C-alpha atoms as a PDB file:
ATOM      1  CA  UNK A   1      16.271  70.117 -16.477  1.00  0.00           C
ATOM      2  CA  UNK A   2      15.766  67.019 -17.876  1.00  0.00           C
ATOM      3  CA  UNK A   3      12.558  64.414 -17.200  1.00  0.00           C
ATOM      4  CA  UNK A   4      13.133  61.143 -16.878  1.00  0.00           C
ATOM      5  CA  UNK A   5       9.408  60.812 -18.430  1.00  0.00           C
ATOM      6  CA  UNK A   6      10.141  62.614 -22.000  1.00  0.00           C
ATOM      7  CA  UNK A   7      11.732  59.838 -23.869  1.00  0.00           C
ATOM      8  CA  UNK A   8      11.751  59.489 -27.321  1.00  0.00           C
ATOM      9  CA  UNK A   9      10.032  56.566 -28.846  1.00  0.00           C
ATOM     10  CA  UNK A  10      12.997  54.525 -30.555  1.00  0.00           C
ATOM     11  CA  UNK A  11      14.520  54.256 -26.708  1.00  0.00           C
ATOM     12  CA  UNK A  12      11.101  53.357 -25.279  1.00  0.00           C
ATOM     13  CA  UNK A  13      11.030  50.593 -28.202  1.00  0.00           C
ATOM     14  CA  UNK A  14      14.242  49.370 -27.499  1.00  0.00           C
ATOM     15  CA  UNK A  15      13.908  49.352 -23.902  1.00  0.00           C
ATOM     16  CA  UNK A  16      10.793  47.221 -24.699  1.00  0.00           C
ATOM     17  CA  UNK A  17      11.713  44.777 -27.105  1.00  0.00           C
ATOM     18  CA  UNK A  18      15.335  43.819 -26.456  1.00  0.00           C
ATOM     19  CA  UNK A  19      15.058  42.473 -22.035  1.00  0.00           C
ATOM     20  CA  UNK A  20      11.661  40.320 -22.209  1.00  0.00           C
ATOM     21  CA  UNK A  21      11.706  37.492 -20.354  1.00  0.00           C
ATOM     22  CA  UNK A  22      10.575  33.687 -21.145  1.00  0.00           C
ATOM     23  CA  UNK A  23      10.685  31.983 -24.815  1.00  0.00           C
ATOM     24  CA  UNK A  24       9.191  33.109 -28.182  1.00  0.00           C
ATOM     25  CA  UNK A  25       8.008  29.564 -28.607  1.00  0.00           C
ATOM     26  CA  UNK A  26       5.825  28.272 -25.356  1.00  0.00           C
ATOM     27  CA  UNK A  27       6.902  24.481 -25.987  1.00  0.00           C
ATOM     28  CA  UNK A  28      10.448  25.802 -26.407  1.00  0.00           C
ATOM     29  CA  UNK A  29      11.087  26.975 -22.583  1.00  0.00           C
ATOM     30  CA  UNK A  30      10.505  23.664 -21.474  1.00  0.00           C
ATOM     31  CA  UNK A  31      12.779  21.855 -24.266  1.00  0.00           C
ATOM     32  CA  UNK A  32      15.708  24.214 -23.173  1.00  0.00           C
ATOM     33  CA  UNK A  33      15.267  23.507 -20.022  1.00  0.00           C
ATOM     34  CA  UNK A  34      15.331  19.419 -20.174  1.00  0.00           C
ATOM     35  CA  UNK A  35      17.979  20.517 -22.154  1.00  0.00           C
ATOM     36  CA  UNK A  36      19.991  22.464 -19.709  1.00  0.00           C
ATOM     37  CA  UNK A  37      19.871  19.012 -17.300  1.00  0.00           C
ATOM     38  CA  UNK A  38      20.400  16.599 -19.635  1.00  0.00           C
ATOM     39  CA  UNK A  39      23.851  18.661 -20.282  1.00  0.00           C
ATOM     40  CA  UNK A  40      24.521  19.218 -16.332  1.00  0.00           C
ATOM     41  CA  UNK A  41      24.669  15.273 -16.075  1.00  0.00           C
ATOM     42  CA  UNK A  42      26.973  14.765 -19.121  1.00  0.00           C
ATOM     43  CA  UNK A  43      29.401  17.507 -17.281  1.00  0.00           C
ATOM     44  CA  UNK A  44      29.010  15.700 -14.010  1.00  0.00           C
ATOM     45  CA  UNK A  45      27.701  18.989 -12.349  1.00  0.00           C
ATOM     46  CA  UNK A  46      24.663  18.256  -9.762  1.00  0.00           C
ATOM     47  CA  UNK A  47      22.153  20.736 -10.748  1.00  0.00           C
ATOM     48  CA  UNK A  48      18.800  20.926  -8.661  1.00  0.00           C
ATOM     49  CA  UNK A  49      15.361  21.287  -9.488  1.00  0.00           C
ATOM     50  CA  UNK A  50      14.644  25.022  -8.482  1.00  0.00           C
ATOM     51  CA  UNK A  51      17.213  27.272  -6.929  1.00  0.00           C
ATOM     52  CA  UNK A  52      20.700  26.340  -7.810  1.00  0.00           C
ATOM     53  CA  UNK A  53      22.048  29.982  -6.523  1.00  0.00           C
ATOM     54  CA  UNK A  54      24.660  28.250  -4.728  1.00  0.00           C
ATOM     55  CA  UNK A  55      26.044  26.886  -7.984  1.00  0.00           C
ATOM     56  CA  UNK A  56      29.916  28.125  -8.981  1.00  0.00           C
ATOM     57  CA  UNK A  57      29.249  30.704 -12.169  1.00  0.00           C
ATOM     58  CA  UNK A  58      32.203  28.696 -13.615  1.00  0.00           C
ATOM     59  CA  UNK A  59      29.997  25.783 -13.601  1.00  0.00           C
ATOM     60  CA  UNK A  60      26.639  27.474 -14.639  1.00  0.00           C
ATOM     61  CA  UNK A  61      29.072  28.839 -17.346  1.00  0.00           C
ATOM     62  CA  UNK A  62      29.901  25.794 -18.946  1.00  0.00           C
ATOM     63  CA  UNK A  63      25.860  24.892 -19.047  1.00  0.00           C
ATOM     64  CA  UNK A  64      25.253  28.005 -20.970  1.00  0.00           C
ATOM     65  CA  UNK A  65      27.881  27.017 -22.955  1.00  0.00           C
ATOM     66  CA  UNK A  66      27.224  23.889 -23.755  1.00  0.00           C
ATOM     67  CA  UNK A  67      23.564  24.843 -24.279  1.00  0.00           C
ATOM     68  CA  UNK A  68      24.710  27.443 -27.046  1.00  0.00           C
ATOM     69  CA  UNK A  69      27.304  25.131 -28.358  1.00  0.00           C
ATOM     70  CA  UNK A  70      24.199  22.370 -29.114  1.00  0.00           C
ATOM     71  CA  UNK A  71      22.014  24.746 -30.089  1.00  0.00           C
ATOM     72  CA  UNK A  72      24.117  26.451 -33.098  1.00  0.00           C
ATOM     73  CA  UNK A  73      25.069  22.387 -33.958  1.00  0.00           C
ATOM     74  CA  UNK A  74      21.525  21.884 -34.630  1.00  0.00           C
ATOM     75  CA  UNK A  75      20.674  24.895 -36.380  1.00  0.00           C
ATOM     76  CA  UNK A  76      23.307  24.327 -38.836  1.00  0.00           C
ATOM     77  CA  UNK A  77      22.234  21.225 -39.064  1.00  0.00           C
ATOM     78  CA  UNK A  78      18.643  22.225 -40.175  1.00  0.00           C
ATOM     79  CA  UNK A  79      20.228  25.130 -42.332  1.00  0.00           C
ATOM     80  CA  UNK A  80      22.643  22.092 -44.136  1.00  0.00           C
ATOM     81  CA  UNK A  81      19.513  20.076 -45.368  1.00  0.00           C
ATOM     82  CA  UNK A  82      17.431  22.523 -46.302  1.00  0.00           C
END
């Protein structure tokens, strides 16, 4: 019988490293949060402090998509200036 406790080392490393919550850089969490509210405001989406579970997934997706777009643009500018 298969025992769930006998996972290989590779599987344990994979599951432990990929799904961590939180930012790698402590100040990044606040910067991303500020960006989220700024983008929501630009898109005309009413984003409240705290719980936003009543926000339609389409609107939440727009916010996240524009965040990614802006972060990629910033990274491209930074790479081009080096």
